[in-house]
Amino acid sequence: MGSGATTSGYAINSPTSFAQALLNLLGAPASTANLQALTAWEAAEGGNWNNTAEYNPLNTSLQLPGSVNYQTGKPGPGVQKYTSWAQGLQATQQTLQNSNPAYGYSGILSALQSSAGTSALSQAVGSSKWGTGYFAGGAATSSATTQTATLTAATSLGGIPTSPPPDPTGGIGNIGGDIAWLGKFAAWTVFTALIFVFGVILLLLGAVMLGVVLLGPVISPAAGVLPGPVGRLARSGKGSSVGAPARTIGAVGGGRAGARRQSTMFDQRRQLQEQRHEHRMTEIETRGSVRRSNMGRPTSSTFDEPF
């Protein structure tokens, strides 16, 4: 990784020697406070010394001629792998001094110019768009790790970002990174708009169905002209305060009518049985009377024969 290379009078073979060379390019004092702050920042980022972003200890993403994405090994946006220490220092310097002011890198330069120390530099870096986070007094997340995690989270739904993409990092010349960021932002905007429209449609459908349930008696006269499932629901009487009770009353009425019919048939059968019984008794009584009347008559043998 270019160990021992000489740049701007410094043999770069350690985080401290890179910090000295960078401070020299930025015109900031190479004080003990600045060296400690910069090496702490390098440790938090882990570039060159702990990953394959060669000659790039602070994991900057400014694309320069010959540099490649440190993960893919191909030209393109993202944390870069540079061709030499001179190119890595140039990229870091340009990123800090020439980037969009909205990225907040001026606070980093101010902290270094005043030798404010590790805590102040950590505050300035964490408040900027660099991506390291606050690294003083605790573990920090490198920009490369943060970028990978952010991209993974942003494309967690079929490749469509479900949250706004982070602001682009890198210098003015990082056109590829800016274009990639615009693409992610556009995808997230479309996704959010679709979710909003879908939610509105669901709310409207819910309001219509609730209206059918609550206003069934009112809209039932117009059920014949209502289109689609709403009309069918209104015509069926479901959800109204009239339809269901009407069907219930009809069912109860039908049951009562059936009971009345059964009662009438039972009464008729009983009346018929009583009539038969009376007829039988009358017949028996008649036969008994005839029998009794015949018992008092003399037979033909008891009469005298005529002379």
C-alpha atoms as a PDB file:
ATOM      1  CA  MET A   1       0.000   0.000   0.000  1.00  0.00           C
ATOM      2  CA  GLY A   2       2.804   2.388  -0.815  1.00  0.00           C
ATOM      3  CA  SER A   3       4.525   2.094   2.530  1.00  0.00           C
ATOM      4  CA  GLY A   4       7.460   4.478   2.791  1.00  0.00           C
ATOM      5  CA  ALA A   5       6.378   6.675  -0.142  1.00  0.00           C
ATOM      6  CA  THR A   6       7.503  10.273   0.130  1.00  0.00           C
ATOM      7  CA  THR A   7       4.951  13.063  -0.383  1.00  0.00           C
ATOM      8  CA  SER A   8       5.441  16.743   0.404  1.00  0.00           C
ATOM      9  CA  GLY A   9       8.570  15.907   2.349  1.00  0.00           C
ATOM     10  CA  TYR A  10       6.870  13.226   4.484  1.00  0.00           C
ATOM     11  CA  ALA A  11       7.548   9.503   4.251  1.00  0.00           C
ATOM     12  CA  ILE A  12       3.963   8.129   4.557  1.00  0.00           C
ATOM     13  CA  ASN A  13       4.066   4.788   6.289  1.00  0.00           C
ATOM     14  CA  SER A  14       1.655   5.286   9.215  1.00  0.00           C
ATOM     15  CA  PRO A  15      -1.526   7.153  10.179  1.00  0.00           C
ATOM     16  CA  THR A  16       0.597   9.866  11.831  1.00  0.00           C
ATOM     17  CA  SER A  17       2.729  10.486   8.735  1.00  0.00           C
ATOM     18  CA  PHE A  18      -0.430  10.745   6.590  1.00  0.00           C
ATOM     19  CA  ALA A  19      -1.882  13.214   9.097  1.00  0.00           C
ATOM     20  CA  GLN A  20       1.308  15.328   8.935  1.00  0.00           C
ATOM     21  CA  ALA A  21       1.216  15.421   5.128  1.00  0.00           C
ATOM     22  CA  LEU A  22      -2.496  16.294   5.062  1.00  0.00           C
ATOM     23  CA  LEU A  23      -2.086  19.105   7.603  1.00  0.00           C
ATOM     24  CA  ASN A  24       0.725  20.515   5.492  1.00  0.00           C
ATOM     25  CA  LEU A  25      -1.505  20.554   2.367  1.00  0.00           C
ATOM     26  CA  LEU A  26      -4.378  22.156   4.305  1.00  0.00           C
ATOM     27  CA  GLY A  27      -2.105  24.817   5.772  1.00  0.00           C
ATOM     28  CA  ALA A  28      -2.999  23.739   9.300  1.00  0.00           C
ATOM     29  CA  PRO A  29      -0.456  23.385  12.130  1.00  0.00           C
ATOM     30  CA  ALA A  30       1.020  19.928  12.664  1.00  0.00           C
ATOM     31  CA  SER A  31       0.394  20.253  16.403  1.00  0.00           C
ATOM     32  CA  THR A  32       0.128  17.351  18.794  1.00  0.00           C
ATOM     33  CA  ALA A  33      -3.590  18.053  19.188  1.00  0.00           C
ATOM     34  CA  ASN A  34      -4.139  17.975  15.437  1.00  0.00           C
ATOM     35  CA  LEU A  35      -2.080  14.825  14.930  1.00  0.00           C
ATOM     36  CA  GLN A  36      -3.991  13.042  17.693  1.00  0.00           C
ATOM     37  CA  ALA A  37      -7.336  14.219  16.299  1.00  0.00           C
ATOM     38  CA  LEU A  38      -6.552  13.200  12.714  1.00  0.00           C
ATOM     39  CA  THR A  39      -5.184   9.777  13.650  1.00  0.00           C
ATOM     40  CA  ALA A  40      -8.320   9.166  15.764  1.00  0.00           C
ATOM     41  CA  TRP A  41     -10.401  10.087  12.721  1.00  0.00           C
ATOM     42  CA  GLU A  42      -8.342   7.746  10.529  1.00  0.00           C
ATOM     43  CA  ALA A  43      -8.855   4.921  13.021  1.00  0.00           C
ATOM     44  CA  ALA A  44     -12.598   5.536  12.989  1.00  0.00           C
ATOM     45  CA  GLU A  45     -12.717   5.424   9.184  1.00  0.00           C
ATOM     46  CA  GLY A  46     -10.265   2.560   8.745  1.00  0.00           C
ATOM     47  CA  GLY A  47      -9.251   3.453   5.202  1.00  0.00           C
ATOM     48  CA  ASN A  48      -6.018   2.002   3.752  1.00  0.00           C
ATOM     49  CA  TRP A  49      -4.875   0.570   7.076  1.00  0.00           C
ATOM     50  CA  ASN A  50      -7.930  -1.619   7.699  1.00  0.00           C
ATOM     51  CA  ASN A  51      -9.592  -1.998   4.313  1.00  0.00           C
ATOM     52  CA  THR A  52      -8.700  -2.066   0.609  1.00  0.00           C
ATOM     53  CA  ALA A  53      -9.294   1.663   0.017  1.00  0.00           C
ATOM     54  CA  GLU A  54      -5.588   2.107  -0.698  1.00  0.00           C
ATOM     55  CA  TYR A  55      -3.983   5.547  -0.164  1.00  0.00           C
ATOM     56  CA  ASN A  56      -7.315   6.724   1.300  1.00  0.00           C
ATOM     57  CA  PRO A  57      -7.217   6.623   5.128  1.00  0.00           C
ATOM     58  CA  LEU A  58     -10.309   8.867   5.504  1.00  0.00           C
ATOM     59  CA  ASN A  59     -12.375   6.948   2.907  1.00  0.00           C
ATOM     60  CA  THR A  60     -13.139   9.903   0.687  1.00  0.00           C
ATOM     61  CA  SER A  61     -15.192   9.271  -2.473  1.00  0.00           C
ATOM     62  CA  LEU A  62     -13.818  11.916  -4.849  1.00  0.00           C
ATOM     63  CA  GLN A  63     -13.144  10.242  -8.192  1.00  0.00           C
ATOM     64  CA  LEU A  64      -9.829  11.090  -9.827  1.00  0.00           C
ATOM     65  CA  PRO A  65      -8.167   9.710 -12.966  1.00  0.00           C
ATOM     66  CA  GLY A  66      -7.265   6.067 -12.376  1.00  0.00           C
ATOM     67  CA  SER A  67      -9.122   5.710  -9.086  1.00  0.00           C
ATOM     68  CA  VAL A  68     -11.707   2.933  -8.642  1.00  0.00           C
ATOM     69  CA  ASN A  69     -14.402   1.938  -6.198  1.00  0.00           C
ATOM     70  CA  TYR A  70     -12.563   0.062  -3.449  1.00  0.00           C
ATOM     71  CA  GLN A  71     -15.264  -2.627  -3.245  1.00  0.00           C
ATOM     72  CA  THR A  72     -15.814  -3.361  -6.936  1.00  0.00           C
ATOM     73  CA  GLY A  73     -12.365  -2.468  -8.258  1.00  0.00           C
ATOM     74  CA  LYS A  74     -14.053  -0.610 -11.120  1.00  0.00           C
ATOM     75  CA  PRO A  75     -14.402   3.111 -11.849  1.00  0.00           C
ATOM     76  CA  GLY A  76     -17.519   4.528 -10.308  1.00  0.00           C
ATOM     77  CA  PRO A  77     -18.967   6.344  -7.298  1.00  0.00           C
ATOM     78  CA  GLY A  78     -18.273   5.306  -3.736  1.00  0.00           C
ATOM     79  CA  VAL A  79     -15.215   5.191  -1.507  1.00  0.00           C
ATOM     80  CA  GLN A  80     -12.191   5.259  -3.783  1.00  0.00           C
ATOM     81  CA  LYS A  81      -8.980   3.278  -4.085  1.00  0.00           C
ATOM     82  CA  TYR A  82      -6.311   5.684  -5.354  1.00  0.00           C
ATOM     83  CA  THR A  83      -3.192   5.096  -7.376  1.00  0.00           C
ATOM     84  CA  SER A  84      -0.688   6.730  -4.992  1.00  0.00           C
ATOM     85  CA  TRP A  85      -0.298   8.655  -1.751  1.00  0.00           C
ATOM     86  CA  ALA A  86      -0.047  11.861  -3.742  1.00  0.00           C
ATOM     87  CA  GLN A  87      -3.426  11.190  -5.351  1.00  0.00           C
ATOM     88  CA  GLY A  88      -4.992  10.144  -2.038  1.00  0.00           C
ATOM     89  CA  LEU A  89      -3.795  13.338  -0.333  1.00  0.00           C
ATOM     90  CA  GLN A  90      -5.017  15.422  -3.266  1.00  0.00           C
ATOM     91  CA  ALA A  91      -8.473  13.825  -3.113  1.00  0.00           C
ATOM     92  CA  THR A  92      -8.770  14.335   0.651  1.00  0.00           C
ATOM     93  CA  GLN A  93      -7.627  17.946   0.425  1.00  0.00           C
ATOM     94  CA  GLN A  94     -10.026  18.785  -2.445  1.00  0.00           C
ATOM     95  CA  THR A  95     -12.919  17.088  -0.713  1.00  0.00           C
ATOM     96  CA  LEU A  96     -12.396  19.147   2.455  1.00  0.00           C
ATOM     97  CA  GLN A  97     -11.717  22.468   0.748  1.00  0.00           C
ATOM     98  CA  ASN A  98     -13.755  22.431  -2.477  1.00  0.00           C
ATOM     99  CA  SER A  99     -16.966  20.547  -1.646  1.00  0.00           C
ATOM    100  CA  ASN A 100     -20.439  22.030  -1.455  1.00  0.00           C
ATOM    101  CA  PRO A 101     -20.590  24.310   1.628  1.00  0.00           C
ATOM    102  CA  ALA A 102     -23.839  22.597   2.598  1.00  0.00           C
ATOM    103  CA  TYR A 103     -21.814  19.488   3.444  1.00  0.00           C
ATOM    104  CA  GLY A 104     -20.428  21.278   6.502  1.00  0.00           C
ATOM    105  CA  TYR A 105     -16.736  20.553   5.954  1.00  0.00           C
ATOM    106  CA  SER A 106     -15.793  24.105   6.907  1.00  0.00           C
ATOM    107  CA  GLY A 107     -16.217  23.120  10.552  1.00  0.00           C
ATOM    108  CA  ILE A 108     -13.598  20.400  10.107  1.00  0.00           C
ATOM    109  CA  LEU A 109     -11.131  22.858   8.595  1.00  0.00           C
ATOM    110  CA  SER A 110     -11.774  25.370  11.397  1.00  0.00           C
ATOM    111  CA  ALA A 111     -11.131  22.720  14.060  1.00  0.00           C
ATOM    112  CA  LEU A 112      -7.825  21.814  12.408  1.00  0.00           C
ATOM    113  CA  GLN A 113      -6.748  25.419  11.869  1.00  0.00           C
ATOM    114  CA  SER A 114      -7.278  26.165  15.560  1.00  0.00           C
ATOM    115  CA  SER A 115      -5.824  22.850  16.824  1.00  0.00           C
ATOM    116  CA  ALA A 116      -9.081  22.383  18.755  1.00  0.00           C
ATOM    117  CA  GLY A 117      -8.317  18.752  19.577  1.00  0.00           C
ATOM    118  CA  THR A 118      -9.966  15.380  19.118  1.00  0.00           C
ATOM    119  CA  SER A 119     -13.298  16.169  20.761  1.00  0.00           C
ATOM    120  CA  ALA A 120     -13.833  19.320  18.671  1.00  0.00           C
ATOM    121  CA  LEU A 121     -12.813  17.559  15.445  1.00  0.00           C
ATOM    122  CA  SER A 122     -15.160  14.676  16.277  1.00  0.00           C
ATOM    123  CA  GLN A 123     -17.989  17.146  16.792  1.00  0.00           C
ATOM    124  CA  ALA A 124     -17.239  18.862  13.488  1.00  0.00           C
ATOM    125  CA  VAL A 125     -17.005  15.592  11.542  1.00  0.00           C
ATOM    126  CA  GLY A 126     -20.151  14.169  13.147  1.00  0.00           C
ATOM    127  CA  SER A 127     -22.091  17.329  12.288  1.00  0.00           C
ATOM    128  CA  SER A 128     -21.001  17.220   8.640  1.00  0.00           C
ATOM    129  CA  LYS A 129     -22.009  15.015   5.719  1.00  0.00           C
ATOM    130  CA  TRP A 130     -18.747  13.066   5.760  1.00  0.00           C
ATOM    131  CA  GLY A 131     -20.402  10.028   7.300  1.00  0.00           C
ATOM    132  CA  THR A 132     -17.959   9.007  10.012  1.00  0.00           C
ATOM    133  CA  GLY A 133     -20.148  10.014  12.919  1.00  0.00           C
ATOM    134  CA  TYR A 134     -18.864  11.095  16.323  1.00  0.00           C
ATOM    135  CA  PHE A 135     -15.715   9.125  16.997  1.00  0.00           C
ATOM    136  CA  ALA A 136     -14.204  10.689  20.153  1.00  0.00           C
ATOM    137  CA  GLY A 137     -14.725   8.717  23.336  1.00  0.00           C
ATOM    138  CA  GLY A 138     -16.425   5.763  21.702  1.00  0.00           C
ATOM    139  CA  ALA A 139     -16.718   3.498  18.717  1.00  0.00           C
ATOM    140  CA  ALA A 140     -17.483   5.102  15.402  1.00  0.00           C
ATOM    141  CA  THR A 141     -18.813   3.784  12.148  1.00  0.00           C
ATOM    142  CA  SER A 142     -16.659   4.338   9.108  1.00  0.00           C
ATOM    143  CA  SER A 143     -18.132   6.063   6.109  1.00  0.00           C
ATOM    144  CA  ALA A 144     -17.639   2.916   4.009  1.00  0.00           C
ATOM    145  CA  THR A 145     -19.582   0.809   6.498  1.00  0.00           C
ATOM    146  CA  THR A 146     -22.206   3.513   6.891  1.00  0.00           C
ATOM    147  CA  GLN A 147     -22.601   3.832   3.143  1.00  0.00           C
ATOM    148  CA  THR A 148     -22.994   0.074   2.683  1.00  0.00           C
ATOM    149  CA  ALA A 149     -25.541  -0.179   5.504  1.00  0.00           C
ATOM    150  CA  THR A 150     -27.446   2.821   4.200  1.00  0.00           C
ATOM    151  CA  LEU A 151     -27.632   1.471   0.667  1.00  0.00           C
ATOM    152  CA  THR A 152     -28.776  -1.920   1.957  1.00  0.00           C
ATOM    153  CA  ALA A 153     -31.507  -0.347   4.061  1.00  0.00           C
ATOM    154  CA  ALA A 154     -32.497   2.025   1.279  1.00  0.00           C
ATOM    155  CA  THR A 155     -33.063  -0.827  -1.179  1.00  0.00           C
ATOM    156  CA  SER A 156     -34.841  -3.190   1.190  1.00  0.00           C
ATOM    157  CA  LEU A 157     -38.044  -3.300  -0.862  1.00  0.00           C
ATOM    158  CA  GLY A 158     -37.392  -4.648  -4.315  1.00  0.00           C
ATOM    159  CA  GLY A 159     -34.563  -2.210  -4.932  1.00  0.00           C
ATOM    160  CA  ILE A 160     -36.777   0.828  -4.213  1.00  0.00           C
ATOM    161  CA  PRO A 161     -35.473   3.113  -1.443  1.00  0.00           C
ATOM    162  CA  THR A 162     -37.865   3.173   1.504  1.00  0.00           C
ATOM    163  CA  SER A 163     -36.113   6.148   3.120  1.00  0.00           C
ATOM    164  CA  PRO A 164     -34.440   9.264   1.744  1.00  0.00           C
ATOM    165  CA  PRO A 165     -30.902   8.553   0.518  1.00  0.00           C
ATOM    166  CA  PRO A 166     -28.085  10.253   2.414  1.00  0.00           C
ATOM    167  CA  ASP A 167     -26.629  13.408   0.969  1.00  0.00           C
ATOM    168  CA  PRO A 168     -23.843  12.772  -1.556  1.00  0.00           C
ATOM    169  CA  THR A 169     -20.290  12.963  -0.338  1.00  0.00           C
ATOM    170  CA  GLY A 170     -17.155  13.788  -2.217  1.00  0.00           C
ATOM    171  CA  GLY A 171     -15.867  16.857  -3.948  1.00  0.00           C
ATOM    172  CA  ILE A 172     -17.201  19.012  -6.716  1.00  0.00           C
ATOM    173  CA  GLY A 173     -15.927  16.657  -9.388  1.00  0.00           C
ATOM    174  CA  ASN A 174     -17.893  13.669  -8.069  1.00  0.00           C
ATOM    175  CA  ILE A 175     -20.513  13.889 -10.834  1.00  0.00           C
ATOM    176  CA  GLY A 176     -21.154  10.140 -10.831  1.00  0.00           C
ATOM    177  CA  GLY A 177     -21.958  10.169  -7.126  1.00  0.00           C
ATOM    178  CA  ASP A 178     -24.333  13.096  -7.562  1.00  0.00           C
ATOM    179  CA  ILE A 179     -26.145  11.362 -10.428  1.00  0.00           C
ATOM    180  CA  ALA A 180     -26.464   8.165  -8.400  1.00  0.00           C
ATOM    181  CA  TRP A 181     -27.850  10.166  -5.482  1.00  0.00           C
ATOM    182  CA  LEU A 182     -30.406  11.887  -7.743  1.00  0.00           C
ATOM    183  CA  GLY A 183     -31.552   8.499  -9.024  1.00  0.00           C
ATOM    184  CA  LYS A 184     -32.041   7.177  -5.488  1.00  0.00           C
ATOM    185  CA  PHE A 185     -33.855  10.339  -4.450  1.00  0.00           C
ATOM    186  CA  ALA A 186     -36.201  10.127  -7.462  1.00  0.00           C
ATOM    187  CA  ALA A 187     -36.966   6.455  -6.717  1.00  0.00           C
ATOM    188  CA  TRP A 188     -37.698   7.262  -3.086  1.00  0.00           C
ATOM    189  CA  THR A 189     -39.977  10.157  -4.120  1.00  0.00           C
ATOM    190  CA  VAL A 190     -41.989   7.950  -6.496  1.00  0.00           C
ATOM    191  CA  PHE A 191     -42.236   5.207  -3.873  1.00  0.00           C
ATOM    192  CA  THR A 192     -43.494   7.647  -1.247  1.00  0.00           C
ATOM    193  CA  ALA A 193     -46.058   9.115  -3.653  1.00  0.00           C
ATOM    194  CA  LEU A 194     -47.400   5.658  -4.527  1.00  0.00           C
ATOM    195  CA  ILE A 195     -47.743   4.731  -0.869  1.00  0.00           C
ATOM    196  CA  PHE A 196     -49.624   7.994  -0.229  1.00  0.00           C
ATOM    197  CA  VAL A 197     -52.022   7.421  -3.158  1.00  0.00           C
ATOM    198  CA  PHE A 198     -52.659   3.820  -2.077  1.00  0.00           C
ATOM    199  CA  GLY A 199     -53.420   4.994   1.449  1.00  0.00           C
ATOM    200  CA  VAL A 200     -55.877   7.624   0.195  1.00  0.00           C
ATOM    201  CA  ILE A 201     -57.670   5.018  -1.941  1.00  0.00           C
ATOM    202  CA  LEU A 202     -58.030   2.694   1.038  1.00  0.00           C
ATOM    203  CA  LEU A 203     -59.413   5.527   3.165  1.00  0.00           C
ATOM    204  CA  LEU A 204     -61.975   6.446   0.500  1.00  0.00           C
ATOM    205  CA  LEU A 205     -63.103   2.827   0.113  1.00  0.00           C
ATOM    206  CA  GLY A 206     -63.437   2.524   3.867  1.00  0.00           C
ATOM    207  CA  ALA A 207     -65.511   5.712   4.016  1.00  0.00           C
ATOM    208  CA  VAL A 208     -67.841   4.455   1.243  1.00  0.00           C
ATOM    209  CA  MET A 209     -68.401   1.103   2.951  1.00  0.00           C
ATOM    210  CA  LEU A 210     -69.031   2.805   6.288  1.00  0.00           C
ATOM    211  CA  GLY A 211     -71.536   5.098   4.604  1.00  0.00           C
ATOM    212  CA  VAL A 212     -73.372   2.116   3.123  1.00  0.00           C
ATOM    213  CA  VAL A 213     -73.594   0.476   6.533  1.00  0.00           C
ATOM    214  CA  LEU A 214     -74.754   3.588   8.367  1.00  0.00           C
ATOM    215  CA  LEU A 215     -76.984   5.052   5.637  1.00  0.00           C
ATOM    216  CA  GLY A 216     -78.513   1.843   4.272  1.00  0.00           C
ATOM    217  CA  PRO A 217     -82.146   2.888   4.850  1.00  0.00           C
ATOM    218  CA  VAL A 218     -81.504   6.226   3.177  1.00  0.00           C
ATOM    219  CA  ILE A 219     -79.782   4.966   0.049  1.00  0.00           C
ATOM    220  CA  SER A 220     -81.848   1.783  -0.390  1.00  0.00           C
ATOM    221  CA  PRO A 221     -84.451   3.533  -2.618  1.00  0.00           C
ATOM    222  CA  ALA A 222     -81.623   4.451  -4.986  1.00  0.00           C
ATOM    223  CA  ALA A 223     -80.068   0.991  -4.905  1.00  0.00           C
ATOM    224  CA  GLY A 224     -81.237   0.266  -8.424  1.00  0.00           C
ATOM    225  CA  VAL A 225     -79.076   2.990  -9.900  1.00  0.00           C
ATOM    226  CA  LEU A 226     -75.998   2.566  -7.708  1.00  0.00           C
ATOM    227  CA  PRO A 227     -73.136   0.856  -9.599  1.00  0.00           C
ATOM    228  CA  GLY A 228     -70.993  -2.112  -8.674  1.00  0.00           C
ATOM    229  CA  PRO A 229     -70.677  -3.743  -5.246  1.00  0.00           C
ATOM    230  CA  VAL A 230     -72.113  -0.694  -3.474  1.00  0.00           C
ATOM    231  CA  GLY A 231     -75.413  -1.073  -5.323  1.00  0.00           C
ATOM    232  CA  ARG A 232     -75.502  -4.817  -4.704  1.00  0.00           C
ATOM    233  CA  LEU A 233     -74.862  -4.261  -1.027  1.00  0.00           C
ATOM    234  CA  ALA A 234     -77.606  -1.649  -0.793  1.00  0.00           C
ATOM    235  CA  ARG A 235     -80.097  -3.794  -2.744  1.00  0.00           C
ATOM    236  CA  SER A 236     -79.457  -6.791  -0.518  1.00  0.00           C
ATOM    237  CA  GLY A 237     -80.460  -4.831   2.555  1.00  0.00           C
ATOM    238  CA  LYS A 238     -77.275  -5.870   4.322  1.00  0.00           C
ATOM    239  CA  GLY A 239     -75.914  -3.267   6.669  1.00  0.00           C
ATOM    240  CA  SER A 240     -79.211  -1.360   6.857  1.00  0.00           C
ATOM    241  CA  SER A 241     -81.436  -1.069   9.872  1.00  0.00           C
ATOM    242  CA  VAL A 242     -84.387  -2.330   7.796  1.00  0.00           C
ATOM    243  CA  GLY A 243     -83.172  -5.221   5.696  1.00  0.00           C
ATOM    244  CA  ALA A 244     -81.951  -7.654   8.344  1.00  0.00           C
ATOM    245  CA  PRO A 245     -84.877  -7.089  10.778  1.00  0.00           C
ATOM    246  CA  ALA A 246     -87.298  -7.443   7.857  1.00  0.00           C
ATOM    247  CA  ARG A 247     -85.819 -10.793   6.922  1.00  0.00           C
ATOM    248  CA  THR A 248     -85.903 -11.868  10.562  1.00  0.00           C
ATOM    249  CA  ILE A 249     -89.542 -10.851  10.969  1.00  0.00           C
ATOM    250  CA  GLY A 250     -90.413 -12.655   7.758  1.00  0.00           C
ATOM    251  CA  ALA A 251     -88.737 -15.799   9.015  1.00  0.00           C
ATOM    252  CA  VAL A 252     -90.539 -15.534  12.351  1.00  0.00           C
ATOM    253  CA  GLY A 253     -93.847 -14.838  10.591  1.00  0.00           C
ATOM    254  CA  GLY A 254     -93.416 -17.872   8.404  1.00  0.00           C
ATOM    255  CA  GLY A 255     -92.773 -20.018  11.450  1.00  0.00           C
ATOM    256  CA  ARG A 256     -95.881 -18.745  13.188  1.00  0.00           C
ATOM    257  CA  ALA A 257     -98.031 -19.325  10.109  1.00  0.00           C
ATOM    258  CA  GLY A 258     -96.768 -22.880   9.935  1.00  0.00           C
ATOM    259  CA  ALA A 259     -97.577 -23.377  13.595  1.00  0.00           C
ATOM    260  CA  ARG A 260    -101.096 -22.030  13.029  1.00  0.00           C
ATOM    261  CA  ARG A 261    -101.608 -24.398  10.107  1.00  0.00           C
ATOM    262  CA  GLN A 262    -100.489 -27.333  12.205  1.00  0.00           C
ATOM    263  CA  SER A 263    -102.859 -26.257  15.028  1.00  0.00           C
ATOM    264  CA  THR A 264    -105.793 -26.015  12.592  1.00  0.00           C
ATOM    265  CA  MET A 265    -105.160 -29.492  11.224  1.00  0.00           C
ATOM    266  CA  PHE A 266    -104.973 -30.876  14.745  1.00  0.00           C
ATOM    267  CA  ASP A 267    -108.314 -29.247  15.661  1.00  0.00           C
ATOM    268  CA  GLN A 268    -109.972 -30.605  12.517  1.00  0.00           C
ATOM    269  CA  ARG A 269    -108.699 -34.100  13.260  1.00  0.00           C
ATOM    270  CA  ARG A 270    -109.975 -33.895  16.805  1.00  0.00           C
ATOM    271  CA  GLN A 271    -113.376 -32.641  15.672  1.00  0.00           C
ATOM    272  CA  LEU A 272    -113.626 -35.490  13.160  1.00  0.00           C
ATOM    273  CA  GLN A 273    -112.767 -38.002  15.854  1.00  0.00           C
ATOM    274  CA  GLU A 274    -115.406 -36.502  18.150  1.00  0.00           C
ATOM    275  CA  GLN A 275    -118.005 -36.632  15.363  1.00  0.00           C
ATOM    276  CA  ARG A 276    -117.152 -40.256  14.688  1.00  0.00           C
ATOM    277  CA  HIS A 277    -117.418 -40.999  18.372  1.00  0.00           C
ATOM    278  CA  GLU A 278    -120.811 -39.293  18.618  1.00  0.00           C
ATOM    279  CA  HIS A 279    -122.018 -41.110  15.506  1.00  0.00           C
ATOM    280  CA  ARG A 280    -120.870 -44.404  16.987  1.00  0.00           C
ATOM    281  CA  MET A 281    -122.572 -43.713  20.261  1.00  0.00           C
ATOM    282  CA  THR A 282    -125.775 -42.728  18.445  1.00  0.00           C
ATOM    283  CA  GLU A 283    -125.664 -45.912  16.420  1.00  0.00           C
ATOM    284  CA  ILE A 284    -125.174 -48.012  19.538  1.00  0.00           C
ATOM    285  CA  GLU A 285    -128.013 -46.233  21.280  1.00  0.00           C
ATOM    286  CA  THR A 286    -130.308 -46.739  18.309  1.00  0.00           C
ATOM    287  CA  ARG A 287    -129.557 -50.428  18.144  1.00  0.00           C
ATOM    288  CA  GLY A 288    -130.182 -50.766  21.869  1.00  0.00           C
ATOM    289  CA  SER A 289    -133.578 -49.081  21.558  1.00  0.00           C
ATOM    290  CA  VAL A 290    -134.598 -51.336  18.710  1.00  0.00           C
ATOM    291  CA  ARG A 291    -133.513 -54.381  20.661  1.00  0.00           C
ATOM    292  CA  ARG A 292    -135.491 -53.322  23.695  1.00  0.00           C
ATOM    293  CA  SER A 293    -138.604 -52.624  21.668  1.00  0.00           C
ATOM    294  CA  ASN A 294    -138.478 -56.027  20.031  1.00  0.00           C
ATOM    295  CA  MET A 295    -138.234 -57.823  23.340  1.00  0.00           C
ATOM    296  CA  GLY A 296    -141.905 -56.898  24.318  1.00  0.00           C
ATOM    297  CA  ARG A 297    -143.501 -58.199  21.148  1.00  0.00           C
ATOM    298  CA  PRO A 298    -145.108 -61.676  21.108  1.00  0.00           C
ATOM    299  CA  THR A 299    -143.851 -64.095  18.592  1.00  0.00           C
ATOM    300  CA  SER A 300    -146.139 -65.523  15.899  1.00  0.00           C
ATOM    301  CA  SER A 301    -146.415 -68.815  17.786  1.00  0.00           C
ATOM    302  CA  THR A 302    -148.239 -67.239  20.686  1.00  0.00           C
ATOM    303  CA  PHE A 303    -151.266 -66.111  18.651  1.00  0.00           C
ATOM    304  CA  ASP A 304    -154.284 -68.401  18.347  1.00  0.00           C
ATOM    305  CA  GLU A 305    -154.960 -69.921  15.058  1.00  0.00           C
ATOM    306  CA  PRO A 306    -158.214 -68.735  13.532  1.00  0.00           C
ATOM    307  CA  PHE A 307    -161.103 -71.120  13.471  1.00  0.00           C
END
